[in-house]
Amino acid sequence: MISRALRTTALIIAVGCAPLAAQQAASSAPPVTYQDLLDGLKDPTRGLAFSGNYNGQRHSPLTSITPQNVTGLAPRWIFQTEVAARGRGFETTPIVAEGVMYSTGNANTAWAIDASTGREIWRYRRTLPDLLRVCCGQVNRGFGILGDLLYMGTLDAHLIALDQKLAPSYGT
């Protein structure tokens, strides 16, 4: 039996991401504008904010999943984060733009993942100080996005800006 400390956390993506496969690659994606953020889920292939928009209604305009077909949903892929679940596990909402899912996880780790295949595009991790104390686990609440930059607040009180189109070096 694998110990709790060695278990990895997985993001499981259901059929609902299938429409994203037709989107452009991140390397040619237009920058995210203030208007894109205000428009929320006007373009249902993009999920740029927690709750889908600033109203916080968490209502999706997608119509491909219905009460009649919901029982037929199945995972398309599983992404193994290879980061031990410390504390309360994942507490993040991924951002999806132009077919790429951007997600943060435990211990200041972040990923860009191809939303149609589950293939890791890049990974970033900011090393934590040895004596860091946190109240509720080493969780992260996700990215913010504007222009070509992804913004991540870290557990040790830094604000990191990552270029969404470039693979950052692992560990800084």
N, C-alpha and C. Protein backbone atom coordinates (compact mmCIF):
# COMPACT_ATOMS: atom_id res chain seq x y z
N MET A 1 0.84 -1.18 0.00
CA MET A 1 0.00 0.00 0.00
C MET A 1 0.88 1.24 0.00
N ILE A 2 0.55 2.20 -0.82
CA ILE A 2 1.32 3.43 -0.93
C ILE A 2 0.95 4.34 0.23
N SER A 3 1.97 4.90 0.88
CA SER A 3 1.68 5.80 2.00
C SER A 3 1.04 7.08 1.50
N ARG A 4 0.33 7.73 2.39
CA ARG A 4 -0.38 8.97 2.03
C ARG A 4 0.57 10.03 1.50
N ALA A 5 1.77 10.11 2.08
CA ALA A 5 2.74 11.12 1.66
C ALA A 5 3.24 10.89 0.24
N LEU A 6 3.18 9.65 -0.24
CA LEU A 6 3.69 9.35 -1.57
C LEU A 6 2.63 9.37 -2.65
N ARG A 7 1.38 9.43 -2.26
CA ARG A 7 0.32 9.48 -3.26
C ARG A 7 0.42 10.76 -4.08
N THR A 8 0.11 10.67 -5.32
CA THR A 8 0.09 11.86 -6.16
C THR A 8 -1.35 12.26 -6.42
N THR A 9 -1.51 13.50 -6.75
CA THR A 9 -2.83 14.03 -7.03
C THR A 9 -3.03 14.06 -8.54
N ALA A 10 -4.21 13.79 -8.99
CA ALA A 10 -4.49 13.76 -10.42
C ALA A 10 -5.62 14.71 -10.75
N LEU A 11 -5.50 15.35 -11.89
CA LEU A 11 -6.60 16.13 -12.44
C LEU A 11 -7.29 15.24 -13.46
N ILE A 12 -8.56 15.04 -13.31
CA ILE A 12 -9.30 14.20 -14.23
C ILE A 12 -10.20 15.10 -15.06
N ILE A 13 -10.06 14.99 -16.34
CA ILE A 13 -10.79 15.87 -17.24
C ILE A 13 -11.83 15.06 -18.00
N ALA A 14 -13.07 15.51 -17.96
CA ALA A 14 -14.16 14.79 -18.60
C ALA A 14 -14.37 15.25 -20.03
N VAL A 15 -15.32 14.65 -20.67
CA VAL A 15 -15.63 14.92 -22.06
C VAL A 15 -15.92 16.39 -22.33
N GLY A 16 -16.29 17.16 -21.35
CA GLY A 16 -16.61 18.57 -21.53
C GLY A 16 -15.49 19.38 -22.13
N CYS A 17 -14.25 18.92 -22.10
CA CYS A 17 -13.12 19.65 -22.68
C CYS A 17 -12.94 19.34 -24.16
N ALA A 18 -13.71 18.43 -24.72
CA ALA A 18 -13.54 18.06 -26.11
C ALA A 18 -13.59 19.23 -27.08
N PRO A 19 -14.48 20.25 -26.91
CA PRO A 19 -14.50 21.36 -27.84
C PRO A 19 -13.19 22.16 -27.86
N LEU A 20 -12.39 22.04 -26.84
CA LEU A 20 -11.14 22.80 -26.79
C LEU A 20 -10.11 22.29 -27.77
N ALA A 21 -10.23 21.06 -28.24
CA ALA A 21 -9.23 20.46 -29.11
C ALA A 21 -9.05 21.25 -30.40
N ALA A 22 -10.07 21.92 -30.86
CA ALA A 22 -9.99 22.65 -32.11
C ALA A 22 -9.34 24.02 -31.97
N GLN A 23 -9.03 24.42 -30.77
CA GLN A 23 -8.45 25.75 -30.53
C GLN A 23 -7.01 25.81 -31.00
N GLN A 24 -6.50 27.04 -31.17
CA GLN A 24 -5.11 27.25 -31.56
C GLN A 24 -4.17 26.80 -30.46
N ALA A 25 -2.92 26.55 -30.83
CA ALA A 25 -1.89 26.25 -29.83
C ALA A 25 -1.59 27.52 -29.06
N ALA A 26 -1.11 27.37 -27.83
CA ALA A 26 -0.84 28.54 -26.97
C ALA A 26 0.19 29.48 -27.58
N SER A 27 1.10 28.95 -28.38
CA SER A 27 2.15 29.79 -28.93
C SER A 27 1.63 30.85 -29.89
N SER A 28 0.43 30.67 -30.44
CA SER A 28 -0.13 31.67 -31.35
C SER A 28 -1.39 32.32 -30.78
N ALA A 29 -1.63 32.13 -29.51
CA ALA A 29 -2.84 32.65 -28.88
C ALA A 29 -2.76 34.16 -28.73
N PRO A 30 -3.89 34.85 -28.94
CA PRO A 30 -3.90 36.30 -28.71
C PRO A 30 -3.83 36.58 -27.21
N PRO A 31 -3.25 37.71 -26.83
CA PRO A 31 -3.20 38.04 -25.40
C PRO A 31 -4.60 38.21 -24.82
N VAL A 32 -4.76 37.86 -23.57
CA VAL A 32 -6.04 38.02 -22.87
C VAL A 32 -6.19 39.50 -22.51
N THR A 33 -7.33 40.07 -22.86
CA THR A 33 -7.58 41.49 -22.60
C THR A 33 -8.52 41.66 -21.41
N TYR A 34 -8.61 42.90 -20.93
CA TYR A 34 -9.59 43.21 -19.88
C TYR A 34 -11.00 42.86 -20.36
N GLN A 35 -11.30 43.13 -21.63
CA GLN A 35 -12.63 42.84 -22.16
C GLN A 35 -12.90 41.34 -22.16
N ASP A 36 -11.88 40.52 -22.48
CA ASP A 36 -12.05 39.06 -22.42
C ASP A 36 -12.47 38.63 -21.02
N LEU A 37 -11.83 39.21 -20.01
CA LEU A 37 -12.17 38.87 -18.63
C LEU A 37 -13.58 39.32 -18.27
N LEU A 38 -13.96 40.51 -18.73
CA LEU A 38 -15.31 41.01 -18.46
C LEU A 38 -16.37 40.19 -19.19
N ASP A 39 -16.04 39.68 -20.39
CA ASP A 39 -16.99 38.89 -21.17
C ASP A 39 -17.26 37.52 -20.55
N GLY A 40 -16.40 37.08 -19.65
CA GLY A 40 -16.62 35.80 -18.97
C GLY A 40 -16.72 34.64 -19.93
N LEU A 41 -17.82 33.91 -19.88
CA LEU A 41 -18.01 32.73 -20.71
C LEU A 41 -18.75 33.03 -22.02
N LYS A 42 -18.65 34.26 -22.48
CA LYS A 42 -19.25 34.61 -23.77
C LYS A 42 -18.68 33.70 -24.86
N ASP A 43 -17.38 33.40 -24.76
CA ASP A 43 -16.74 32.39 -25.59
C ASP A 43 -16.60 31.15 -24.71
N PRO A 44 -17.47 30.15 -24.86
CA PRO A 44 -17.48 29.01 -23.94
C PRO A 44 -16.26 28.10 -24.04
N THR A 45 -15.37 28.32 -25.00
CA THR A 45 -14.15 27.51 -25.09
C THR A 45 -13.05 28.06 -24.19
N ARG A 46 -13.32 29.20 -23.54
CA ARG A 46 -12.31 29.82 -22.67
C ARG A 46 -12.87 29.91 -21.26
N GLY A 47 -12.08 29.50 -20.30
CA GLY A 47 -12.44 29.65 -18.90
C GLY A 47 -11.35 30.46 -18.25
N LEU A 48 -11.51 31.77 -18.22
CA LEU A 48 -10.43 32.66 -17.81
C LEU A 48 -10.52 33.11 -16.36
N ALA A 49 -11.60 32.76 -15.68
CA ALA A 49 -11.78 33.25 -14.31
C ALA A 49 -12.52 32.23 -13.46
N PHE A 50 -12.26 32.28 -12.17
CA PHE A 50 -13.00 31.46 -11.21
C PHE A 50 -14.49 31.76 -11.37
N SER A 51 -15.32 30.78 -11.34
CA SER A 51 -16.77 30.91 -11.53
C SER A 51 -17.16 31.27 -12.95
N GLY A 52 -16.20 31.34 -13.87
CA GLY A 52 -16.51 31.64 -15.26
C GLY A 52 -16.59 33.11 -15.60
N ASN A 53 -16.99 33.93 -14.63
CA ASN A 53 -17.07 35.37 -14.86
C ASN A 53 -17.06 36.10 -13.52
N TYR A 54 -17.10 37.41 -13.57
CA TYR A 54 -17.04 38.19 -12.34
C TYR A 54 -18.36 38.23 -11.58
N ASN A 55 -19.44 37.75 -12.18
CA ASN A 55 -20.72 37.68 -11.47
C ASN A 55 -20.75 36.55 -10.45
N GLY A 56 -19.90 35.56 -10.63
CA GLY A 56 -19.83 34.45 -9.71
C GLY A 56 -21.01 33.50 -9.76
N GLN A 57 -21.72 33.45 -10.88
CA GLN A 57 -22.91 32.60 -10.98
C GLN A 57 -22.58 31.15 -11.25
N ARG A 58 -21.38 30.87 -11.74
CA ARG A 58 -20.92 29.51 -12.04
C ARG A 58 -21.88 28.77 -12.97
N HIS A 59 -22.48 29.47 -13.90
CA HIS A 59 -23.38 28.87 -14.87
C HIS A 59 -22.67 28.82 -16.22
N SER A 60 -22.59 27.65 -16.80
CA SER A 60 -21.95 27.49 -18.10
C SER A 60 -22.99 27.59 -19.21
N PRO A 61 -22.65 28.31 -20.29
CA PRO A 61 -23.57 28.38 -21.42
C PRO A 61 -23.48 27.16 -22.34
N LEU A 62 -22.59 26.22 -22.03
CA LEU A 62 -22.46 25.02 -22.86
C LEU A 62 -23.75 24.21 -22.83
N THR A 63 -24.11 23.66 -23.97
CA THR A 63 -25.35 22.87 -24.05
C THR A 63 -25.08 21.42 -24.47
N SER A 64 -23.81 21.05 -24.63
CA SER A 64 -23.49 19.70 -25.10
C SER A 64 -23.70 18.63 -24.03
N ILE A 65 -23.71 19.01 -22.75
CA ILE A 65 -23.98 18.06 -21.68
C ILE A 65 -25.41 18.29 -21.19
N THR A 66 -26.22 17.25 -21.25
CA THR A 66 -27.64 17.35 -20.91
C THR A 66 -28.00 16.29 -19.88
N PRO A 67 -29.18 16.40 -19.25
CA PRO A 67 -29.62 15.33 -18.34
C PRO A 67 -29.69 13.96 -19.04
N GLN A 68 -29.92 13.97 -20.35
CA GLN A 68 -30.04 12.72 -21.09
C GLN A 68 -28.69 12.05 -21.35
N ASN A 69 -27.61 12.83 -21.48
CA ASN A 69 -26.34 12.21 -21.82
C ASN A 69 -25.29 12.27 -20.71
N VAL A 70 -25.61 12.85 -19.58
CA VAL A 70 -24.62 13.04 -18.52
C VAL A 70 -24.08 11.70 -18.00
N THR A 71 -24.89 10.66 -18.00
CA THR A 71 -24.41 9.37 -17.50
C THR A 71 -23.38 8.74 -18.44
N GLY A 72 -23.28 9.24 -19.66
CA GLY A 72 -22.31 8.71 -20.61
C GLY A 72 -20.95 9.40 -20.55
N LEU A 73 -20.80 10.38 -19.66
CA LEU A 73 -19.51 11.07 -19.55
C LEU A 73 -18.45 10.12 -18.99
N ALA A 74 -17.25 10.26 -19.52
CA ALA A 74 -16.14 9.43 -19.05
C ALA A 74 -14.86 10.26 -19.15
N PRO A 75 -13.88 9.95 -18.31
CA PRO A 75 -12.61 10.69 -18.39
C PRO A 75 -11.95 10.52 -19.76
N ARG A 76 -11.39 11.59 -20.27
CA ARG A 76 -10.63 11.55 -21.53
C ARG A 76 -9.16 11.31 -21.25
N TRP A 77 -8.69 11.84 -20.12
CA TRP A 77 -7.29 11.67 -19.73
C TRP A 77 -7.15 11.97 -18.25
N ILE A 78 -6.05 11.53 -17.69
CA ILE A 78 -5.72 11.80 -16.30
C ILE A 78 -4.30 12.35 -16.27
N PHE A 79 -4.11 13.44 -15.55
CA PHE A 79 -2.79 14.06 -15.45
C PHE A 79 -2.26 13.80 -14.04
N GLN A 80 -1.13 13.12 -13.95
CA GLN A 80 -0.49 12.86 -12.67
C GLN A 80 0.44 14.02 -12.35
N THR A 81 0.19 14.71 -11.25
CA THR A 81 0.98 15.89 -10.92
C THR A 81 2.34 15.54 -10.35
N GLU A 82 2.49 14.36 -9.80
CA GLU A 82 3.74 13.92 -9.17
C GLU A 82 4.14 14.82 -8.00
N VAL A 83 3.16 15.53 -7.44
CA VAL A 83 3.38 16.35 -6.25
C VAL A 83 2.53 15.75 -5.15
N ALA A 84 3.16 15.40 -4.03
CA ALA A 84 2.43 14.79 -2.93
C ALA A 84 1.35 15.74 -2.42
N ALA A 85 0.20 15.19 -2.11
CA ALA A 85 -0.91 15.99 -1.57
C ALA A 85 -0.60 16.30 -0.10
N ARG A 86 -0.23 17.54 0.15
CA ARG A 86 0.09 17.96 1.52
C ARG A 86 -1.09 18.77 2.05
N GLY A 87 -1.58 18.41 3.20
CA GLY A 87 -2.68 19.19 3.78
C GLY A 87 -3.99 18.81 3.14
N ARG A 88 -4.66 19.77 2.52
CA ARG A 88 -6.02 19.59 2.04
C ARG A 88 -6.11 19.24 0.56
N GLY A 89 -5.01 18.98 -0.13
CA GLY A 89 -5.07 18.60 -1.53
C GLY A 89 -5.21 19.81 -2.45
N PHE A 90 -5.79 19.60 -3.62
CA PHE A 90 -5.95 20.68 -4.59
C PHE A 90 -7.11 21.59 -4.20
N GLU A 91 -6.87 22.89 -4.29
CA GLU A 91 -7.91 23.89 -4.05
C GLU A 91 -7.77 24.96 -5.11
N THR A 92 -7.81 24.56 -6.36
CA THR A 92 -7.57 25.47 -7.47
C THR A 92 -8.62 25.29 -8.55
N THR A 93 -8.85 26.35 -9.30
CA THR A 93 -9.67 26.29 -10.49
C THR A 93 -8.77 26.55 -11.68
N PRO A 94 -8.65 25.61 -12.61
CA PRO A 94 -7.78 25.84 -13.77
C PRO A 94 -8.31 26.97 -14.64
N ILE A 95 -7.40 27.59 -15.36
CA ILE A 95 -7.75 28.55 -16.40
C ILE A 95 -7.56 27.83 -17.73
N VAL A 96 -8.48 28.01 -18.66
CA VAL A 96 -8.38 27.38 -19.97
C VAL A 96 -8.41 28.47 -21.02
N ALA A 97 -7.36 28.50 -21.85
CA ALA A 97 -7.28 29.48 -22.94
C ALA A 97 -6.63 28.84 -24.15
N GLU A 98 -7.30 28.91 -25.28
CA GLU A 98 -6.78 28.43 -26.55
C GLU A 98 -6.31 26.98 -26.49
N GLY A 99 -7.10 26.14 -25.82
CA GLY A 99 -6.81 24.72 -25.77
C GLY A 99 -5.76 24.31 -24.76
N VAL A 100 -5.32 25.24 -23.91
CA VAL A 100 -4.33 24.93 -22.89
C VAL A 100 -4.94 25.18 -21.52
N MET A 101 -4.76 24.21 -20.62
CA MET A 101 -5.22 24.34 -19.25
C MET A 101 -4.02 24.73 -18.39
N TYR A 102 -4.18 25.82 -17.63
CA TYR A 102 -3.14 26.29 -16.73
C TYR A 102 -3.64 26.06 -15.31
N SER A 103 -2.84 25.33 -14.52
CA SER A 103 -3.28 24.99 -13.18
C SER A 103 -2.12 25.11 -12.20
N THR A 104 -2.46 25.43 -10.97
CA THR A 104 -1.48 25.45 -9.90
C THR A 104 -1.81 24.33 -8.93
N GLY A 105 -0.83 23.97 -8.11
CA GLY A 105 -1.04 22.90 -7.15
C GLY A 105 -0.24 23.14 -5.89
N ASN A 106 -0.09 22.10 -5.13
CA ASN A 106 0.63 22.16 -3.86
C ASN A 106 2.08 22.59 -4.05
N ALA A 107 2.63 23.16 -2.99
CA ALA A 107 4.06 23.49 -2.90
C ALA A 107 4.53 24.41 -4.02
N ASN A 108 3.70 25.40 -4.40
CA ASN A 108 4.07 26.40 -5.41
C ASN A 108 4.40 25.78 -6.77
N THR A 109 3.67 24.75 -7.17
CA THR A 109 3.88 24.11 -8.46
C THR A 109 2.78 24.55 -9.42
N ALA A 110 3.15 24.67 -10.70
CA ALA A 110 2.18 25.09 -11.71
C ALA A 110 2.45 24.33 -13.01
N TRP A 111 1.40 24.17 -13.82
CA TRP A 111 1.51 23.43 -15.07
C TRP A 111 0.73 24.12 -16.19
N ALA A 112 1.22 23.89 -17.41
CA ALA A 112 0.44 24.13 -18.63
C ALA A 112 0.21 22.75 -19.23
N ILE A 113 -1.06 22.43 -19.51
CA ILE A 113 -1.44 21.10 -19.96
C ILE A 113 -2.28 21.22 -21.23
N ASP A 114 -1.98 20.42 -22.23
CA ASP A 114 -2.80 20.38 -23.43
C ASP A 114 -4.17 19.83 -23.02
N ALA A 115 -5.22 20.63 -23.17
CA ALA A 115 -6.55 20.25 -22.67
C ALA A 115 -7.17 19.10 -23.45
N SER A 116 -6.73 18.83 -24.66
CA SER A 116 -7.33 17.74 -25.41
C SER A 116 -6.63 16.40 -25.18
N THR A 117 -5.34 16.43 -24.79
CA THR A 117 -4.59 15.18 -24.65
C THR A 117 -4.10 14.91 -23.23
N GLY A 118 -4.02 15.94 -22.39
CA GLY A 118 -3.46 15.78 -21.06
C GLY A 118 -1.95 15.82 -21.02
N ARG A 119 -1.31 16.13 -22.15
CA ARG A 119 0.15 16.19 -22.22
C ARG A 119 0.66 17.45 -21.52
N GLU A 120 1.67 17.28 -20.67
CA GLU A 120 2.28 18.43 -20.00
C GLU A 120 3.07 19.25 -21.03
N ILE A 121 2.79 20.55 -21.07
CA ILE A 121 3.52 21.46 -21.95
C ILE A 121 4.71 22.04 -21.21
N TRP A 122 4.45 22.52 -20.00
CA TRP A 122 5.53 22.96 -19.12
C TRP A 122 5.11 22.84 -17.67
N ARG A 123 6.13 22.90 -16.81
CA ARG A 123 5.93 22.82 -15.36
C ARG A 123 6.83 23.87 -14.72
N TYR A 124 6.34 24.46 -13.65
CA TYR A 124 7.11 25.46 -12.90
C TYR A 124 6.97 25.15 -11.42
N ARG A 125 8.05 25.37 -10.69
CA ARG A 125 7.96 25.23 -9.23
C ARG A 125 8.89 26.23 -8.58
N ARG A 126 8.35 26.97 -7.65
CA ARG A 126 9.15 27.88 -6.84
C ARG A 126 9.43 27.17 -5.52
N THR A 127 10.71 27.03 -5.20
CA THR A 127 11.11 26.33 -3.99
C THR A 127 10.67 27.11 -2.76
N LEU A 128 10.12 26.40 -1.80
CA LEU A 128 9.65 27.02 -0.56
C LEU A 128 10.77 27.07 0.48
N PRO A 129 10.74 28.08 1.35
CA PRO A 129 11.71 28.13 2.44
C PRO A 129 11.53 26.93 3.37
N ASP A 130 12.61 26.49 3.99
CA ASP A 130 12.57 25.31 4.86
C ASP A 130 11.65 25.48 6.07
N LEU A 131 11.60 26.65 6.65
CA LEU A 131 10.86 26.85 7.90
C LEU A 131 9.49 27.50 7.69
N LEU A 132 8.94 27.37 6.51
CA LEU A 132 7.64 27.97 6.22
C LEU A 132 6.53 27.26 6.99
N ARG A 133 5.71 28.04 7.67
CA ARG A 133 4.55 27.49 8.38
C ARG A 133 3.28 28.01 7.72
N VAL A 134 2.38 27.09 7.43
CA VAL A 134 1.10 27.47 6.83
C VAL A 134 -0.02 26.86 7.66
N CYS A 135 -1.14 27.54 7.69
CA CYS A 135 -2.23 27.09 8.56
C CYS A 135 -3.01 25.91 8.01
N CYS A 136 -3.15 25.84 6.70
CA CYS A 136 -4.15 24.92 6.15
C CYS A 136 -3.63 24.07 5.00
N GLY A 137 -2.36 23.73 5.02
CA GLY A 137 -1.79 22.92 3.96
C GLY A 137 -1.12 23.79 2.90
N GLN A 138 -0.25 23.17 2.12
CA GLN A 138 0.51 23.90 1.10
C GLN A 138 -0.28 24.00 -0.21
N VAL A 139 -1.46 24.55 -0.14
CA VAL A 139 -2.34 24.66 -1.31
C VAL A 139 -2.14 25.99 -2.02
N ASN A 140 -2.61 26.05 -3.25
CA ASN A 140 -2.58 27.27 -4.04
C ASN A 140 -3.95 27.40 -4.67
N ARG A 141 -4.44 28.62 -4.83
CA ARG A 141 -5.80 28.83 -5.31
C ARG A 141 -5.91 29.13 -6.79
N GLY A 142 -4.81 29.03 -7.53
CA GLY A 142 -4.92 29.15 -8.98
C GLY A 142 -4.28 30.39 -9.54
N PHE A 143 -4.28 30.46 -10.86
CA PHE A 143 -3.70 31.55 -11.62
C PHE A 143 -4.70 32.68 -11.84
N GLY A 144 -4.16 33.86 -12.09
CA GLY A 144 -4.88 34.95 -12.73
C GLY A 144 -4.22 35.11 -14.09
N ILE A 145 -4.90 35.70 -15.05
CA ILE A 145 -4.34 35.85 -16.39
C ILE A 145 -4.68 37.22 -16.94
N LEU A 146 -3.74 37.84 -17.62
CA LEU A 146 -3.95 39.08 -18.36
C LEU A 146 -2.81 39.22 -19.35
N GLY A 147 -3.14 39.60 -20.57
CA GLY A 147 -2.12 39.67 -21.62
C GLY A 147 -1.57 38.29 -21.87
N ASP A 148 -0.25 38.17 -21.90
CA ASP A 148 0.41 36.87 -22.09
C ASP A 148 0.92 36.31 -20.77
N LEU A 149 0.52 36.92 -19.65
CA LEU A 149 1.08 36.52 -18.36
C LEU A 149 0.07 35.81 -17.47
N LEU A 150 0.57 34.81 -16.76
CA LEU A 150 -0.17 34.11 -15.73
C LEU A 150 0.39 34.57 -14.40
N TYR A 151 -0.47 34.90 -13.46
CA TYR A 151 -0.04 35.41 -12.16
C TYR A 151 -0.38 34.39 -11.08
N MET A 152 0.62 34.09 -10.24
CA MET A 152 0.44 33.12 -9.17
C MET A 152 0.97 33.71 -7.87
N GLY A 153 0.11 33.77 -6.86
CA GLY A 153 0.56 34.15 -5.52
C GLY A 153 1.15 32.92 -4.86
N THR A 154 2.31 33.06 -4.22
CA THR A 154 2.98 31.91 -3.63
C THR A 154 2.74 31.84 -2.13
N LEU A 155 3.02 30.69 -1.57
CA LEU A 155 2.85 30.48 -0.13
C LEU A 155 3.80 31.32 0.70
N ASP A 156 4.91 31.73 0.11
CA ASP A 156 5.88 32.55 0.84
C ASP A 156 5.78 34.02 0.44
N ALA A 157 4.57 34.44 0.07
CA ALA A 157 4.22 35.85 -0.16
C ALA A 157 4.95 36.52 -1.31
N HIS A 158 5.07 35.84 -2.43
CA HIS A 158 5.60 36.43 -3.65
C HIS A 158 4.52 36.39 -4.72
N LEU A 159 4.61 37.29 -5.67
CA LEU A 159 3.74 37.26 -6.84
C LEU A 159 4.61 36.91 -8.03
N ILE A 160 4.32 35.80 -8.67
CA ILE A 160 5.09 35.30 -9.81
C ILE A 160 4.30 35.58 -11.07
N ALA A 161 4.96 36.08 -12.11
CA ALA A 161 4.35 36.26 -13.42
C ALA A 161 5.06 35.35 -14.39
N LEU A 162 4.33 34.43 -15.00
CA LEU A 162 4.89 33.48 -15.96
C LEU A 162 4.35 33.76 -17.34
N ASP A 163 5.20 33.73 -18.34
CA ASP A 163 4.76 33.87 -19.73
C ASP A 163 4.06 32.58 -20.12
N GLN A 164 2.79 32.66 -20.47
CA GLN A 164 2.02 31.45 -20.76
C GLN A 164 2.53 30.71 -21.98
N LYS A 165 3.28 31.36 -22.86
CA LYS A 165 3.72 30.74 -24.10
C LYS A 165 5.10 30.09 -24.00
N LEU A 166 5.81 30.34 -22.92
CA LEU A 166 7.16 29.81 -22.79
C LEU A 166 7.24 28.80 -21.65
N ALA A 167 8.08 27.82 -21.83
CA ALA A 167 8.29 26.84 -20.76
C ALA A 167 9.30 27.41 -19.77
N PRO A 168 8.86 27.75 -18.56
CA PRO A 168 9.81 28.28 -17.57
C PRO A 168 10.71 27.16 -17.06
N SER A 169 11.84 27.54 -16.53
CA SER A 169 12.73 26.54 -15.97
C SER A 169 12.11 25.94 -14.71
N TYR A 170 12.38 24.69 -14.44
CA TYR A 170 11.83 24.01 -13.27
C TYR A 170 12.65 24.38 -12.06
N GLY A 171 12.01 24.97 -11.08
CA GLY A 171 12.66 25.30 -9.81
C GLY A 171 13.44 26.59 -9.86
N THR A 172 12.98 27.57 -9.10
CA THR A 172 13.71 28.85 -9.01
C THR A 172 13.97 29.19 -7.56
